PDB file of all heavy atoms in Angstrom:
ATOM      1  N   ALA A   1       9.270  24.685   5.288  1.00  0.00           N
ATOM      2  CA  ALA A   1       8.069  24.994   4.506  1.00  0.00           C
ATOM      3  C   ALA A   1       8.193  24.453   3.082  1.00  0.00           C
ATOM      4  O   ALA A   1       7.235  23.899   2.525  1.00  0.00           O
ATOM      5  CB  ALA A   1       7.822  26.500   4.482  1.00  0.00           C
ATOM      6  N   LEU A   2       9.372  24.612   2.478  1.00  0.00           N
ATOM      7  CA  LEU A   2       9.575  24.089   1.128  1.00  0.00           C
ATOM      8  C   LEU A   2       9.540  22.569   1.139  1.00  0.00           C
ATOM      9  O   LEU A   2       8.945  21.945   0.250  1.00  0.00           O
ATOM     10  CB  LEU A   2      10.902  24.589   0.568  1.00  0.00           C
ATOM     11  CG  LEU A   2      11.230  24.126  -0.860  1.00  0.00           C
ATOM     12  CD1 LEU A   2      10.206  24.662  -1.854  1.00  0.00           C
ATOM     13  CD2 LEU A   2      12.643  24.561  -1.251  1.00  0.00           C
ATOM     14  N   ALA A   3      10.158  21.950   2.135  1.00  0.00           N
ATOM     15  CA  ALA A   3      10.166  20.491   2.216  1.00  0.00           C
ATOM     16  C   ALA A   3       8.763  19.943   2.414  1.00  0.00           C
ATOM     17  O   ALA A   3       8.396  18.914   1.827  1.00  0.00           O
ATOM     18  CB  ALA A   3      11.082  20.038   3.341  1.00  0.00           C
ATOM     19  N   ALA A   4       7.943  20.607   3.242  1.00  0.00           N
ATOM     20  CA  ALA A   4       6.564  20.156   3.447  1.00  0.00           C
ATOM     21  C   ALA A   4       5.776  20.212   2.143  1.00  0.00           C
ATOM     22  O   ALA A   4       5.012  19.295   1.807  1.00  0.00           O
ATOM     23  CB  ALA A   4       5.887  20.999   4.520  1.00  0.00           C
ATOM     24  N   ASP A   5       5.969  21.289   1.388  1.00  0.00           N
ATOM     25  CA  ASP A   5       5.331  21.387   0.083  1.00  0.00           C
ATOM     26  C   ASP A   5       5.878  20.312  -0.852  1.00  0.00           C
ATOM     27  O   ASP A   5       5.151  19.777  -1.697  1.00  0.00           O
ATOM     28  CB  ASP A   5       5.562  22.775  -0.511  1.00  0.00           C
ATOM     29  CG  ASP A   5       4.824  22.988  -1.818  1.00  0.00           C
ATOM     30  OD1 ASP A   5       3.591  23.160  -1.791  1.00  0.00           O
ATOM     31  OD2 ASP A   5       5.479  22.966  -2.881  1.00  0.00           O
ATOM     32  N   GLY A   6       7.162  19.981  -0.680  1.00  0.00           N
ATOM     33  CA  GLY A   6       7.757  18.924  -1.480  1.00  0.00           C
ATOM     34  C   GLY A   6       7.151  17.568  -1.192  1.00  0.00           C
ATOM     35  O   GLY A   6       6.952  16.755  -2.104  1.00  0.00           O
ATOM     36  N   VAL A   7       6.847  17.290   0.078  1.00  0.00           N
ATOM     37  CA  VAL A   7       6.168  16.030   0.422  1.00  0.00           C
ATOM     38  C   VAL A   7       4.816  15.970  -0.278  1.00  0.00           C
ATOM     39  O   VAL A   7       4.441  14.954  -0.876  1.00  0.00           O
ATOM     40  CB  VAL A   7       6.010  15.892   1.947  1.00  0.00           C
ATOM     41  CG1 VAL A   7       5.167  14.662   2.291  1.00  0.00           C
ATOM     42  CG2 VAL A   7       7.378  15.806   2.628  1.00  0.00           C
ATOM     43  N   ALA A   8       4.070  17.084  -0.225  1.00  0.00           N
ATOM     44  CA  ALA A   8       2.753  17.123  -0.873  1.00  0.00           C
ATOM     45  C   ALA A   8       2.884  16.914  -2.379  1.00  0.00           C
ATOM     46  O   ALA A   8       2.113  16.143  -2.981  1.00  0.00           O
ATOM     47  CB  ALA A   8       2.074  18.460  -0.582  1.00  0.00           C
ATOM     48  N   GLU A   9       3.843  17.581  -3.000  1.00  0.00           N
ATOM     49  CA  GLU A   9       4.004  17.455  -4.450  1.00  0.00           C
ATOM     50  C   GLU A   9       4.430  16.047  -4.837  1.00  0.00           C
ATOM     51  O   GLU A   9       3.952  15.477  -5.821  1.00  0.00           O
ATOM     52  CB  GLU A   9       5.030  18.470  -4.953  1.00  0.00           C
ATOM     53  CG  GLU A   9       4.992  18.655  -6.467  1.00  0.00           C
ATOM     54  CD  GLU A   9       6.329  18.504  -7.158  1.00  0.00           C
ATOM     55  OE1 GLU A   9       7.237  17.855  -6.591  1.00  0.00           O
ATOM     56  OE2 GLU A   9       6.464  19.016  -8.275  1.00  0.00           O
ATOM     57  N   THR A  10       5.331  15.465  -4.055  1.00  0.00           N
ATOM     58  CA  THR A  10       5.810  14.119  -4.370  1.00  0.00           C
ATOM     59  C   THR A  10       4.685  13.102  -4.284  1.00  0.00           C
ATOM     60  O   THR A  10       4.518  12.242  -5.166  1.00  0.00           O
ATOM     61  CB  THR A  10       6.947  13.734  -3.415  1.00  0.00           C
ATOM     62  OG1 THR A  10       7.972  14.725  -3.470  1.00  0.00           O
ATOM     63  CG2 THR A  10       7.543  12.388  -3.801  1.00  0.00           C
ATOM     64  N   LEU A  11       3.874  13.180  -3.216  1.00  0.00           N
ATOM     65  CA  LEU A  11       2.773  12.235  -3.055  1.00  0.00           C
ATOM     66  C   LEU A  11       1.681  12.446  -4.094  1.00  0.00           C
ATOM     67  O   LEU A  11       1.072  11.486  -4.580  1.00  0.00           O
ATOM     68  CB  LEU A  11       2.187  12.360  -1.641  1.00  0.00           C
ATOM     69  CG  LEU A  11       3.118  11.940  -0.501  1.00  0.00           C
ATOM     70  CD1 LEU A  11       2.469  12.282   0.849  1.00  0.00           C
ATOM     71  CD2 LEU A  11       3.441  10.447  -0.566  1.00  0.00           C
ATOM     72  N   ASP A  12       1.439  13.700  -4.457  1.00  0.00           N
ATOM     73  CA  ASP A  12       0.330  14.015  -5.361  1.00  0.00           C
ATOM     74  C   ASP A  12       0.700  13.865  -6.827  1.00  0.00           C
ATOM     75  O   ASP A  12      -0.066  13.302  -7.616  1.00  0.00           O
ATOM     76  CB  ASP A  12      -0.135  15.452  -5.096  1.00  0.00           C
ATOM     77  CG  ASP A  12      -1.419  15.795  -5.839  1.00  0.00           C
ATOM     78  OD1 ASP A  12      -2.250  14.888  -6.056  1.00  0.00           O
ATOM     79  OD2 ASP A  12      -1.603  16.969  -6.189  1.00  0.00           O
ATOM     80  N   VAL A  13       1.884  14.354  -7.206  1.00  0.00           N
ATOM     81  CA  VAL A  13       2.259  14.410  -8.628  1.00  0.00           C
ATOM     82  C   VAL A  13       3.160  13.250  -9.026  1.00  0.00           C
ATOM     83  O   VAL A  13       2.883  12.539  -9.993  1.00  0.00           O
ATOM     84  CB  VAL A  13       2.953  15.757  -8.944  1.00  0.00           C
ATOM     85  CG1 VAL A  13       3.414  15.789 -10.398  1.00  0.00           C
ATOM     86  CG2 VAL A  13       2.021  16.921  -8.652  1.00  0.00           C
ATOM     87  N   MET A  14       4.246  13.052  -8.266  1.00  0.00           N
ATOM     88  CA  MET A  14       5.246  12.077  -8.691  1.00  0.00           C
ATOM     89  C   MET A  14       4.781  10.639  -8.463  1.00  0.00           C
ATOM     90  O   MET A  14       5.065   9.753  -9.276  1.00  0.00           O
ATOM     91  CB  MET A  14       6.570  12.334  -7.963  1.00  0.00           C
ATOM     92  CG  MET A  14       7.055  13.780  -8.057  1.00  0.00           C
ATOM     93  SD  MET A  14       7.121  14.466  -9.750  1.00  0.00           S
ATOM     94  CE  MET A  14       8.450  13.507 -10.453  1.00  0.00           C
ATOM     95  N   TYR A  15       4.098  10.391  -7.351  1.00  0.00           N
ATOM     96  CA  TYR A  15       3.572   9.044  -7.084  1.00  0.00           C
ATOM     97  C   TYR A  15       2.083   8.926  -7.369  1.00  0.00           C
ATOM     98  O   TYR A  15       1.593   7.850  -7.699  1.00  0.00           O
ATOM     99  CB  TYR A  15       3.836   8.643  -5.624  1.00  0.00           C
ATOM    100  CG  TYR A  15       5.269   8.280  -5.341  1.00  0.00           C
ATOM    101  CD1 TYR A  15       6.057   9.072  -4.506  1.00  0.00           C
ATOM    102  CD2 TYR A  15       5.847   7.143  -5.900  1.00  0.00           C
ATOM    103  CE1 TYR A  15       7.374   8.738  -4.231  1.00  0.00           C
ATOM    104  CE2 TYR A  15       7.166   6.800  -5.627  1.00  0.00           C
ATOM    105  CZ  TYR A  15       7.918   7.600  -4.790  1.00  0.00           C
ATOM    106  OH  TYR A  15       9.227   7.267  -4.525  1.00  0.00           O
ATOM    107  N   GLY A  16       1.349  10.008  -7.218  1.00  0.00           N
ATOM    108  CA  GLY A  16      -0.107   9.935  -7.304  1.00  0.00           C
ATOM    109  C   GLY A  16      -0.704  10.337  -8.631  1.00  0.00           C
ATOM    110  O   GLY A  16      -1.929  10.377  -8.770  1.00  0.00           O
ATOM    111  N   GLY A  17       0.129  10.648  -9.609  1.00  0.00           N
ATOM    112  CA  GLY A  17      -0.405  11.029 -10.913  1.00  0.00           C
ATOM    113  C   GLY A  17      -1.170   9.878 -11.556  1.00  0.00           C
ATOM    114  O   GLY A  17      -0.740   8.720 -11.493  1.00  0.00           O
ATOM    115  N   LEU A  18      -2.294  10.187 -12.165  1.00  0.00           N
ATOM    116  CA  LEU A  18      -3.138   9.163 -12.782  1.00  0.00           C
ATOM    117  C   LEU A  18      -3.238   9.429 -14.278  1.00  0.00           C
ATOM    118  O   LEU A  18      -3.846  10.415 -14.699  1.00  0.00           O
ATOM    119  CB  LEU A  18      -4.540   9.176 -12.154  1.00  0.00           C
ATOM    120  CG  LEU A  18      -5.501   8.080 -12.608  1.00  0.00           C
ATOM    121  CD1 LEU A  18      -4.982   6.704 -12.211  1.00  0.00           C
ATOM    122  CD2 LEU A  18      -6.897   8.315 -12.009  1.00  0.00           C
ATOM    123  N   PRO A  19      -2.641   8.575 -15.121  1.00  0.00           N
ATOM    124  CA  PRO A  19      -2.726   8.793 -16.568  1.00  0.00           C
ATOM    125  C   PRO A  19      -4.155   8.602 -17.061  1.00  0.00           C
ATOM    126  O   PRO A  19      -4.950   7.882 -16.435  1.00  0.00           O
ATOM    127  CB  PRO A  19      -1.794   7.726 -17.141  1.00  0.00           C
ATOM    128  CG  PRO A  19      -1.761   6.647 -16.103  1.00  0.00           C
ATOM    129  CD  PRO A  19      -1.882   7.356 -14.780  1.00  0.00           C
ATOM    130  N   PRO A  20      -4.512   9.230 -18.178  1.00  0.00           N
ATOM    131  CA  PRO A  20      -5.895   9.147 -18.660  1.00  0.00           C
ATOM    132  C   PRO A  20      -6.337   7.739 -19.027  1.00  0.00           C
ATOM    133  O   PRO A  20      -7.532   7.461 -19.065  1.00  0.00           O
ATOM    134  CB  PRO A  20      -5.892  10.076 -19.888  1.00  0.00           C
ATOM    135  CG  PRO A  20      -4.454  10.210 -20.286  1.00  0.00           C
ATOM    136  CD  PRO A  20      -3.669  10.101 -19.028  1.00  0.00           C
ATOM    137  N   TRP A  21      -5.386   6.848 -19.263  1.00  0.00           N
ATOM    138  CA  TRP A  21      -5.749   5.477 -19.631  1.00  0.00           C
ATOM    139  C   TRP A  21      -5.851   4.543 -18.422  1.00  0.00           C
ATOM    140  O   TRP A  21      -6.147   3.357 -18.567  1.00  0.00           O
ATOM    141  CB  TRP A  21      -4.712   4.902 -20.619  1.00  0.00           C
ATOM    142  CG  TRP A  21      -3.290   5.058 -20.181  1.00  0.00           C
ATOM    143  CD1 TRP A  21      -2.438   6.066 -20.501  1.00  0.00           C
ATOM    144  CD2 TRP A  21      -2.545   4.168 -19.332  1.00  0.00           C
ATOM    145  NE1 TRP A  21      -1.207   5.876 -19.903  1.00  0.00           N
ATOM    146  CE2 TRP A  21      -1.245   4.713 -19.192  1.00  0.00           C
ATOM    147  CE3 TRP A  21      -2.846   2.971 -18.681  1.00  0.00           C
ATOM    148  CZ2 TRP A  21      -0.257   4.102 -18.424  1.00  0.00           C
ATOM    149  CZ3 TRP A  21      -1.864   2.357 -17.915  1.00  0.00           C
ATOM    150  CH2 TRP A  21      -0.596   2.923 -17.794  1.00  0.00           C
ATOM    151  N   GLY A  22      -5.624   5.085 -17.222  1.00  0.00           N
ATOM    152  CA  GLY A  22      -5.633   4.255 -16.022  1.00  0.00           C
ATOM    153  C   GLY A  22      -6.814   4.540 -15.109  1.00  0.00           C
ATOM    154  O   GLY A  22      -7.532   5.527 -15.263  1.00  0.00           O
ATOM    155  N   ARG A  23      -6.991   3.671 -14.118  1.00  0.00           N
ATOM    156  CA  ARG A  23      -8.087   3.804 -13.155  1.00  0.00           C
ATOM    157  C   ARG A  23      -7.547   3.516 -11.755  1.00  0.00           C
ATOM    158  O   ARG A  23      -6.816   2.552 -11.535  1.00  0.00           O
ATOM    159  CB  ARG A  23      -9.182   2.784 -13.495  1.00  0.00           C
ATOM    160  CG  ARG A  23     -10.426   2.880 -12.588  1.00  0.00           C
ATOM    161  CD  ARG A  23     -11.453   1.804 -12.921  1.00  0.00           C
ATOM    162  NE  ARG A  23     -11.051   0.488 -12.433  1.00  0.00           N
ATOM    163  CZ  ARG A  23     -10.699  -0.538 -13.200  1.00  0.00           C
ATOM    164  NH1 ARG A  23     -10.661  -0.392 -14.526  1.00  0.00           N
ATOM    165  NH2 ARG A  23     -10.347  -1.701 -12.679  1.00  0.00           N
ATOM    166  N   PHE A  24      -7.909   4.375 -10.819  1.00  0.00           N
ATOM    167  CA  PHE A  24      -7.559   4.161  -9.413  1.00  0.00           C
ATOM    168  C   PHE A  24      -8.782   3.662  -8.681  1.00  0.00           C
ATOM    169  O   PHE A  24      -9.840   4.304  -8.697  1.00  0.00           O
ATOM    170  CB  PHE A  24      -7.065   5.469  -8.784  1.00  0.00           C
ATOM    171  CG  PHE A  24      -6.777   5.362  -7.299  1.00  0.00           C
ATOM    172  CD1 PHE A  24      -5.794   4.514  -6.826  1.00  0.00           C
ATOM    173  CD2 PHE A  24      -7.507   6.117  -6.385  1.00  0.00           C
ATOM    174  CE1 PHE A  24      -5.527   4.410  -5.467  1.00  0.00           C
ATOM    175  CE2 PHE A  24      -7.241   6.036  -5.017  1.00  0.00           C
ATOM    176  CZ  PHE A  24      -6.250   5.175  -4.559  1.00  0.00           C
ATOM    177  N   ASP A  25      -8.674   2.511  -8.036  1.00  0.00           N
ATOM    178  CA  ASP A  25      -9.765   1.939  -7.248  1.00  0.00           C
ATOM    179  C   ASP A  25      -9.383   2.030  -5.773  1.00  0.00           C
ATOM    180  O   ASP A  25      -8.565   1.238  -5.267  1.00  0.00           O
ATOM    181  CB  ASP A  25     -10.005   0.476  -7.637  1.00  0.00           C
ATOM    182  CG  ASP A  25     -10.498   0.336  -9.072  1.00  0.00           C
ATOM    183  OD1 ASP A  25     -11.428   1.075  -9.433  1.00  0.00           O
ATOM    184  OD2 ASP A  25      -9.964  -0.500  -9.816  1.00  0.00           O
ATOM    185  N   PRO A  26      -9.953   3.011  -5.045  1.00  0.00           N
ATOM    186  CA  PRO A  26      -9.567   3.208  -3.647  1.00  0.00           C
ATOM    187  C   PRO A  26     -10.200   2.178  -2.716  1.00  0.00           C
ATOM    188  O   PRO A  26     -11.244   1.592  -3.018  1.00  0.00           O
ATOM    189  CB  PRO A  26     -10.105   4.608  -3.338  1.00  0.00           C
ATOM    190  CG  PRO A  26     -11.291   4.753  -4.246  1.00  0.00           C
ATOM    191  CD  PRO A  26     -10.943   4.004  -5.499  1.00  0.00           C
ATOM    192  N   VAL A  27      -9.523   1.965  -1.595  1.00  0.00           N
ATOM    193  CA  VAL A  27     -10.075   1.159  -0.503  1.00  0.00           C
ATOM    194  C   VAL A  27     -10.079   2.044   0.738  1.00  0.00           C
ATOM    195  O   VAL A  27      -9.345   3.026   0.809  1.00  0.00           O
ATOM    196  CB  VAL A  27      -9.244  -0.117  -0.268  1.00  0.00           C
ATOM    197  CG1 VAL A  27      -9.279  -1.026  -1.499  1.00  0.00           C
ATOM    198  CG2 VAL A  27      -7.801   0.210   0.110  1.00  0.00           C
ATOM    199  N   PRO A  28     -10.912   1.742   1.740  1.00  0.00           N
ATOM    200  CA  PRO A  28     -11.022   2.619   2.920  1.00  0.00           C
ATOM    201  C   PRO A  28      -9.877   2.416   3.914  1.00  0.00           C
ATOM    202  O   PRO A  28     -10.059   2.050   5.067  1.00  0.00           O
ATOM    203  CB  PRO A  28     -12.371   2.219   3.521  1.00  0.00           C
ATOM    204  CG  PRO A  28     -12.542   0.789   3.127  1.00  0.00           C
ATOM    205  CD  PRO A  28     -11.925   0.657   1.766  1.00  0.00           C
ATOM    206  N   ARG A  29      -8.651   2.673   3.437  1.00  0.00           N
ATOM    207  CA  ARG A  29      -7.463   2.579   4.283  1.00  0.00           C
ATOM    208  C   ARG A  29      -6.593   3.807   4.002  1.00  0.00           C
ATOM    209  O   ARG A  29      -6.435   4.212   2.838  1.00  0.00           O
ATOM    210  CB  ARG A  29      -6.678   1.294   4.009  1.00  0.00           C
ATOM    211  CG  ARG A  29      -7.518   0.038   4.116  1.00  0.00           C
ATOM    212  CD  ARG A  29      -6.650  -1.201   3.976  1.00  0.00           C
ATOM    213  NE  ARG A  29      -5.933  -1.497   5.208  1.00  0.00           N
ATOM    214  CZ  ARG A  29      -4.863  -2.290   5.277  1.00  0.00           C
ATOM    215  NH1 ARG A  29      -4.355  -2.796   4.172  1.00  0.00           N
ATOM    216  NH2 ARG A  29      -4.290  -2.538   6.431  1.00  0.00           N
ATOM    217  N   TYR A  30      -6.020   4.372   5.072  1.00  0.00           N
ATOM    218  CA  TYR A  30      -5.335   5.663   4.944  1.00  0.00           C
ATOM    219  C   TYR A  30      -3.985   5.657   5.660  1.00  0.00           C
ATOM    220  O   TYR A  30      -3.829   5.024   6.718  1.00  0.00           O
ATOM    221  CB  TYR A  30      -6.203   6.777   5.534  1.00  0.00           C
ATOM    222  CG  TYR A  30      -7.528   6.938   4.834  1.00  0.00           C
ATOM    223  CD1 TYR A  30      -8.649   6.224   5.247  1.00  0.00           C
ATOM    224  CD2 TYR A  30      -7.666   7.794   3.744  1.00  0.00           C
ATOM    225  CE1 TYR A  30      -9.875   6.357   4.597  1.00  0.00           C
ATOM    226  CE2 TYR A  30      -8.879   7.941   3.089  1.00  0.00           C
ATOM    227  CZ  TYR A  30      -9.977   7.216   3.524  1.00  0.00           C
ATOM    228  OH  TYR A  30     -11.174   7.359   2.872  1.00  0.00           O
ATOM    229  N   LEU A  31      -3.052   6.401   5.079  1.00  0.00           N
ATOM    230  CA  LEU A  31      -1.773   6.680   5.722  1.00  0.00           C
ATOM    231  C   LEU A  31      -1.695   8.167   6.017  1.00  0.00           C
ATOM    232  O   LEU A  31      -2.040   8.991   5.166  1.00  0.00           O
ATOM    233  CB  LEU A  31      -0.610   6.306   4.799  1.00  0.00           C
ATOM    234  CG  LEU A  31       0.257   5.131   5.254  1.00  0.00           C
ATOM    235  CD1 LEU A  31      -0.525   3.842   5.070  1.00  0.00           C
ATOM    236  CD2 LEU A  31       1.559   5.097   4.489  1.00  0.00           C
ATOM    237  N   GLU A  32      -1.216   8.482   7.201  1.00  0.00           N
ATOM    238  CA  GLU A  32      -0.959   9.873   7.571  1.00  0.00           C
ATOM    239  C   GLU A  32       0.550  10.100   7.578  1.00  0.00           C
ATOM    240  O   GLU A  32       1.294   9.333   8.194  1.00  0.00           O
ATOM    241  CB  GLU A  32      -1.534  10.181   8.956  1.00  0.00           C
ATOM    242  CG  GLU A  32      -1.239  11.596   9.440  1.00  0.00           C
ATOM    243  CD  GLU A  32      -1.650  11.822  10.894  1.00  0.00           C
ATOM    244  OE1 GLU A  32      -2.207  10.887  11.511  1.00  0.00           O
ATOM    245  OE2 GLU A  32      -1.383  12.922  11.403  1.00  0.00           O
ATOM    246  N   PHE A  33       0.987  11.155   6.888  1.00  0.00           N
ATOM    247  CA  PHE A  33       2.378  11.583   6.946  1.00  0.00           C
ATOM    248  C   PHE A  33       2.422  12.799   7.857  1.00  0.00           C
ATOM    249  O   PHE A  33       1.971  13.885   7.475  1.00  0.00           O
ATOM    250  CB  PHE A  33       2.904  11.904   5.548  1.00  0.00           C
ATOM    251  CG  PHE A  33       3.050  10.694   4.662  1.00  0.00           C
ATOM    252  CD1 PHE A  33       1.954  10.179   3.985  1.00  0.00           C
ATOM    253  CD2 PHE A  33       4.275  10.058   4.530  1.00  0.00           C
ATOM    254  CE1 PHE A  33       2.077   9.056   3.168  1.00  0.00           C
ATOM    255  CE2 PHE A  33       4.409   8.940   3.723  1.00  0.00           C
ATOM    256  CZ  PHE A  33       3.312   8.434   3.036  1.00  0.00           C
ATOM    257  N   ARG A  34       2.927  12.625   9.062  1.00  0.00           N
ATOM    258  CA  ARG A  34       2.913  13.676  10.082  1.00  0.00           C
ATOM    259  C   ARG A  34       4.263  14.401  10.060  1.00  0.00           C
ATOM    260  O   ARG A  34       5.292  13.826  10.415  1.00  0.00           O
ATOM    261  CB  ARG A  34       2.636  13.055  11.447  1.00  0.00           C
ATOM    262  CG  ARG A  34       2.326  14.037  12.557  1.00  0.00           C
ATOM    263  CD  ARG A  34       1.896  13.290  13.814  1.00  0.00           C
ATOM    264  NE  ARG A  34       0.632  12.576  13.635  1.00  0.00           N
ATOM    265  CZ  ARG A  34       0.184  11.619  14.448  1.00  0.00           C
ATOM    266  NH1 ARG A  34       0.904  11.256  15.514  1.00  0.00           N
ATOM    267  NH2 ARG A  34      -0.982  11.034  14.212  1.00  0.00           N
ATOM    268  N   LEU A  35       4.253  15.685   9.664  1.00  0.00           N
ATOM    269  CA  LEU A  35       5.478  16.463   9.502  1.00  0.00           C
ATOM    270  C   LEU A  35       5.685  17.307  10.758  1.00  0.00           C
ATOM    271  O   LEU A  35       5.036  18.339  10.948  1.00  0.00           O
ATOM    272  CB  LEU A  35       5.371  17.347   8.254  1.00  0.00           C
ATOM    273  CG  LEU A  35       4.885  16.634   6.977  1.00  0.00           C
ATOM    274  CD1 LEU A  35       4.848  17.605   5.804  1.00  0.00           C
ATOM    275  CD2 LEU A  35       5.742  15.427   6.652  1.00  0.00           C
TER     276      LEU A  35
END
């Protein structure tokens, strides 16, 4: 349970953080991380 939350935090905060001076331009492509 802690590791699953860790995957979410790592993807969202550590890799997915967006600084106020930056812009994310998404494309319609997705990855699923299946735990």
